[in-house]
Amino acid sequence: FKFTCEPCKKGTYSDTVNSCCKPWTKCENSGLRTIIPGNFTHNVECGISRDVPLPGEQDPKYTTILAILAALGIFILILMTFFLHLCLWTLNKRQAEPDHGNLMPACTLVEDSYSCQFPEEEHGGKTVDVKGLLDSVWD
């Protein structure tokens, strides 16, 4: 029997004389990276390299940018909360102060309608009887 050897096809290798071609190892199946690619006489070499990120692993500069953006978002949220509390505090302080310059009538809810009366300092003496005054004008 006589046979001749042919070079291994791409994706396979043979590391001994007169042996069959074997497929290259798939580093990704083991969670590793291909460090050195294979050829027709050598298998690929797998390992951990810091130059190429693993699938699903993020680049360190993107992680840094993400951390900065998260910190900035938290800072803005805290700042907005502070301003909200400041506005509420100012509003409560204004409502607590008596307003002596108010000339608007004080309105109260009476039987599904509003009854508006002026404050006591706005009430004068006796009011003029409008009906009597009109009757005297027409006479």
C-alpha atoms as a PDB file:
ATOM      1  CA  PHE A   1       0.000   0.000   0.000  1.00  0.00           C
ATOM      2  CA  LYS A   2       1.229   3.406  -0.917  1.00  0.00           C
ATOM      3  CA  PHE A   3      -0.384   6.719  -0.055  1.00  0.00           C
ATOM      4  CA  THR A   4       0.632  10.337  -0.292  1.00  0.00           C
ATOM      5  CA  CYS A   5       0.019  13.022   2.282  1.00  0.00           C
ATOM      6  CA  GLU A   6      -1.615  16.301   1.454  1.00  0.00           C
ATOM      7  CA  PRO A   7      -1.314  19.474   3.505  1.00  0.00           C
ATOM      8  CA  CYS A   8      -4.126  19.981   6.013  1.00  0.00           C
ATOM      9  CA  LYS A   9      -6.966  22.268   4.998  1.00  0.00           C
ATOM     10  CA  LYS A  10      -7.636  25.598   6.699  1.00  0.00           C
ATOM     11  CA  GLY A  11      -9.047  25.024  10.179  1.00  0.00           C
ATOM     12  CA  THR A  12      -7.121  21.751  10.707  1.00  0.00           C
ATOM     13  CA  TYR A  13      -3.556  20.753  11.582  1.00  0.00           C
ATOM     14  CA  SER A  14      -1.272  17.723  11.824  1.00  0.00           C
ATOM     15  CA  ASP A  15       1.602  17.957  14.319  1.00  0.00           C
ATOM     16  CA  THR A  16       3.216  14.556  13.642  1.00  0.00           C
ATOM     17  CA  VAL A  17       4.429  12.808  10.509  1.00  0.00           C
ATOM     18  CA  ASN A  18       1.894  10.595   8.725  1.00  0.00           C
ATOM     19  CA  SER A  19      -0.983  11.499  11.072  1.00  0.00           C
ATOM     20  CA  CYS A  20      -4.497  12.592  10.280  1.00  0.00           C
ATOM     21  CA  CYS A  21      -5.510  16.257  10.277  1.00  0.00           C
ATOM     22  CA  LYS A  22      -7.309  17.395  13.442  1.00  0.00           C
ATOM     23  CA  PRO A  23      -9.539  20.481  13.763  1.00  0.00           C
ATOM     24  CA  TRP A  24      -8.195  23.538  15.544  1.00  0.00           C
ATOM     25  CA  THR A  25      -9.309  24.091  19.132  1.00  0.00           C
ATOM     26  CA  LYS A  26     -12.095  26.665  19.493  1.00  0.00           C
ATOM     27  CA  CYS A  27     -10.862  28.898  22.310  1.00  0.00           C
ATOM     28  CA  GLU A  28     -14.194  30.733  22.637  1.00  0.00           C
ATOM     29  CA  ASN A  29     -15.924  27.487  23.704  1.00  0.00           C
ATOM     30  CA  SER A  30     -13.638  27.405  26.759  1.00  0.00           C
ATOM     31  CA  GLY A  31     -14.071  31.104  27.551  1.00  0.00           C
ATOM     32  CA  LEU A  32     -10.534  31.927  26.377  1.00  0.00           C
ATOM     33  CA  ARG A  33      -9.069  33.993  23.564  1.00  0.00           C
ATOM     34  CA  THR A  34      -6.967  32.906  20.627  1.00  0.00           C
ATOM     35  CA  ILE A  35      -3.451  34.117  21.428  1.00  0.00           C
ATOM     36  CA  ILE A  36      -1.629  32.567  18.448  1.00  0.00           C
ATOM     37  CA  PRO A  37      -3.577  31.470  15.349  1.00  0.00           C
ATOM     38  CA  GLY A  38      -3.144  27.919  14.110  1.00  0.00           C
ATOM     39  CA  ASN A  39      -1.681  26.731  10.800  1.00  0.00           C
ATOM     40  CA  PHE A  40      -1.463  23.362   9.016  1.00  0.00           C
ATOM     41  CA  THR A  41       1.223  22.067  11.459  1.00  0.00           C
ATOM     42  CA  HIS A  42       0.206  23.709  14.757  1.00  0.00           C
ATOM     43  CA  ASN A  43      -2.974  24.042  16.764  1.00  0.00           C
ATOM     44  CA  VAL A  44      -4.151  27.478  17.942  1.00  0.00           C
ATOM     45  CA  GLU A  45      -2.916  28.646  21.330  1.00  0.00           C
ATOM     46  CA  CYS A  46      -5.575  29.789  23.769  1.00  0.00           C
ATOM     47  CA  GLY A  47      -5.108  32.018  26.767  1.00  0.00           C
ATOM     48  CA  ILE A  48      -6.003  35.236  28.495  1.00  0.00           C
ATOM     49  CA  SER A  49      -4.822  38.436  26.872  1.00  0.00           C
ATOM     50  CA  ARG A  50      -5.516  41.932  28.169  1.00  0.00           C
ATOM     51  CA  ASP A  51      -5.231  43.385  24.643  1.00  0.00           C
ATOM     52  CA  VAL A  52      -8.500  41.935  23.345  1.00  0.00           C
ATOM     53  CA  PRO A  53     -11.629  41.989  25.536  1.00  0.00           C
ATOM     54  CA  LEU A  54     -13.621  38.798  26.001  1.00  0.00           C
ATOM     55  CA  PRO A  55     -17.032  38.672  24.365  1.00  0.00           C
ATOM     56  CA  GLY A  56     -19.437  40.539  26.659  1.00  0.00           C
ATOM     57  CA  GLU A  57     -16.555  42.263  28.478  1.00  0.00           C
ATOM     58  CA  GLN A  58     -16.436  46.063  28.314  1.00  0.00           C
ATOM     59  CA  ASP A  59     -13.456  48.207  27.476  1.00  0.00           C
ATOM     60  CA  PRO A  60     -12.072  49.999  30.592  1.00  0.00           C
ATOM     61  CA  LYS A  61     -12.493  53.484  29.059  1.00  0.00           C
ATOM     62  CA  TYR A  62     -16.227  52.854  28.503  1.00  0.00           C
ATOM     63  CA  THR A  63     -16.549  51.667  32.093  1.00  0.00           C
ATOM     64  CA  THR A  64     -14.882  54.889  33.278  1.00  0.00           C
ATOM     65  CA  ILE A  65     -17.174  57.046  31.130  1.00  0.00           C
ATOM     66  CA  LEU A  66     -20.206  55.137  32.398  1.00  0.00           C
ATOM     67  CA  ALA A  67     -19.111  55.659  36.020  1.00  0.00           C
ATOM     68  CA  ILE A  68     -18.627  59.413  35.431  1.00  0.00           C
ATOM     69  CA  LEU A  69     -22.066  59.743  33.804  1.00  0.00           C
ATOM     70  CA  ALA A  70     -23.702  57.818  36.650  1.00  0.00           C
ATOM     71  CA  ALA A  71     -22.019  60.064  39.246  1.00  0.00           C
ATOM     72  CA  LEU A  72     -23.101  63.177  37.325  1.00  0.00           C
ATOM     73  CA  GLY A  73     -26.692  61.913  37.165  1.00  0.00           C
ATOM     74  CA  ILE A  74     -26.761  61.238  40.907  1.00  0.00           C
ATOM     75  CA  PHE A  75     -25.306  64.711  41.601  1.00  0.00           C
ATOM     76  CA  ILE A  76     -27.997  66.373  39.448  1.00  0.00           C
ATOM     77  CA  LEU A  77     -30.708  64.354  41.205  1.00  0.00           C
ATOM     78  CA  ILE A  78     -29.428  65.441  44.645  1.00  0.00           C
ATOM     79  CA  LEU A  79     -29.185  69.077  43.468  1.00  0.00           C
ATOM     80  CA  MET A  80     -32.760  69.032  42.154  1.00  0.00           C
ATOM     81  CA  THR A  81     -33.989  67.547  45.448  1.00  0.00           C
ATOM     82  CA  PHE A  82     -32.200  70.322  47.363  1.00  0.00           C
ATOM     83  CA  PHE A  83     -33.808  73.041  45.219  1.00  0.00           C
ATOM     84  CA  LEU A  84     -37.240  71.435  45.602  1.00  0.00           C
ATOM     85  CA  HIS A  85     -36.892  71.479  49.398  1.00  0.00           C
ATOM     86  CA  LEU A  86     -35.683  75.094  49.254  1.00  0.00           C
ATOM     87  CA  CYS A  87     -38.712  76.145  47.183  1.00  0.00           C
ATOM     88  CA  LEU A  88     -41.128  74.333  49.496  1.00  0.00           C
ATOM     89  CA  TRP A  89     -39.487  75.884  52.553  1.00  0.00           C
ATOM     90  CA  THR A  90     -39.768  79.373  51.019  1.00  0.00           C
ATOM     91  CA  LEU A  91     -43.413  78.789  50.093  1.00  0.00           C
ATOM     92  CA  ASN A  92     -44.265  77.582  53.614  1.00  0.00           C
ATOM     93  CA  LYS A  93     -42.465  80.563  55.128  1.00  0.00           C
ATOM     94  CA  ARG A  94     -44.508  82.978  52.977  1.00  0.00           C
ATOM     95  CA  GLN A  95     -47.780  81.302  53.940  1.00  0.00           C
ATOM     96  CA  ALA A  96     -46.908  81.440  57.641  1.00  0.00           C
ATOM     97  CA  GLU A  97     -46.358  85.235  57.588  1.00  0.00           C
ATOM     98  CA  PRO A  98     -49.494  87.364  58.187  1.00  0.00           C
ATOM     99  CA  ASP A  99     -50.388  89.574  55.228  1.00  0.00           C
ATOM    100  CA  HIS A 100     -51.733  92.912  56.498  1.00  0.00           C
ATOM    101  CA  GLY A 101     -51.805  94.544  53.079  1.00  0.00           C
ATOM    102  CA  ASN A 102     -54.441  92.179  51.705  1.00  0.00           C
ATOM    103  CA  LEU A 103     -57.529  94.129  50.629  1.00  0.00           C
ATOM    104  CA  MET A 104     -59.240  91.165  49.057  1.00  0.00           C
ATOM    105  CA  PRO A 105     -62.348  89.885  50.835  1.00  0.00           C
ATOM    106  CA  ALA A 106     -62.054  86.768  52.956  1.00  0.00           C
ATOM    107  CA  CYS A 107     -64.099  84.045  51.253  1.00  0.00           C
ATOM    108  CA  THR A 108     -65.697  81.129  53.029  1.00  0.00           C
ATOM    109  CA  LEU A 109     -67.590  78.170  51.652  1.00  0.00           C
ATOM    110  CA  VAL A 110     -71.213  78.266  52.744  1.00  0.00           C
ATOM    111  CA  GLU A 111     -73.759  75.811  51.359  1.00  0.00           C
ATOM    112  CA  ASP A 112     -72.014  75.096  48.047  1.00  0.00           C
ATOM    113  CA  SER A 113     -71.413  78.776  47.307  1.00  0.00           C
ATOM    114  CA  TYR A 114     -68.796  81.289  48.311  1.00  0.00           C
ATOM    115  CA  SER A 115     -69.634  84.039  50.743  1.00  0.00           C
ATOM    116  CA  CYS A 116     -67.078  86.833  50.505  1.00  0.00           C
ATOM    117  CA  GLN A 117     -66.740  89.457  53.206  1.00  0.00           C
ATOM    118  CA  PHE A 118     -64.178  92.178  53.541  1.00  0.00           C
ATOM    119  CA  PRO A 119     -61.896  92.132  56.585  1.00  0.00           C
ATOM    120  CA  GLU A 120     -63.082  94.028  59.660  1.00  0.00           C
ATOM    121  CA  GLU A 121     -60.967  97.122  58.970  1.00  0.00           C
ATOM    122  CA  GLU A 122     -62.784  97.526  55.648  1.00  0.00           C
ATOM    123  CA  HIS A 123     -66.241  97.670  57.280  1.00  0.00           C
ATOM    124  CA  GLY A 124     -67.338 101.223  57.855  1.00  0.00           C
ATOM    125  CA  GLY A 125     -70.226 102.608  59.824  1.00  0.00           C
ATOM    126  CA  LYS A 126     -73.798 102.184  58.703  1.00  0.00           C
ATOM    127  CA  THR A 127     -74.307 101.571  55.063  1.00  0.00           C
ATOM    128  CA  VAL A 128     -76.594 103.717  52.973  1.00  0.00           C
ATOM    129  CA  ASP A 129     -79.946 102.194  52.214  1.00  0.00           C
ATOM    130  CA  VAL A 130     -79.703 101.993  48.441  1.00  0.00           C
ATOM    131  CA  LYS A 131     -83.435 101.329  47.953  1.00  0.00           C
ATOM    132  CA  GLY A 132     -84.410 104.331  50.094  1.00  0.00           C
ATOM    133  CA  LEU A 133     -81.874 106.497  48.288  1.00  0.00           C
ATOM    134  CA  LEU A 134     -83.215 105.492  44.876  1.00  0.00           C
ATOM    135  CA  ASP A 135     -86.796 106.092  45.970  1.00  0.00           C
ATOM    136  CA  SER A 136     -85.929 109.629  47.078  1.00  0.00           C
ATOM    137  CA  VAL A 137     -84.107 110.353  43.804  1.00  0.00           C
ATOM    138  CA  TRP A 138     -87.101 109.274  41.690  1.00  0.00           C
ATOM    139  CA  ASP A 139     -89.576 111.274  43.702  1.00  0.00           C
END
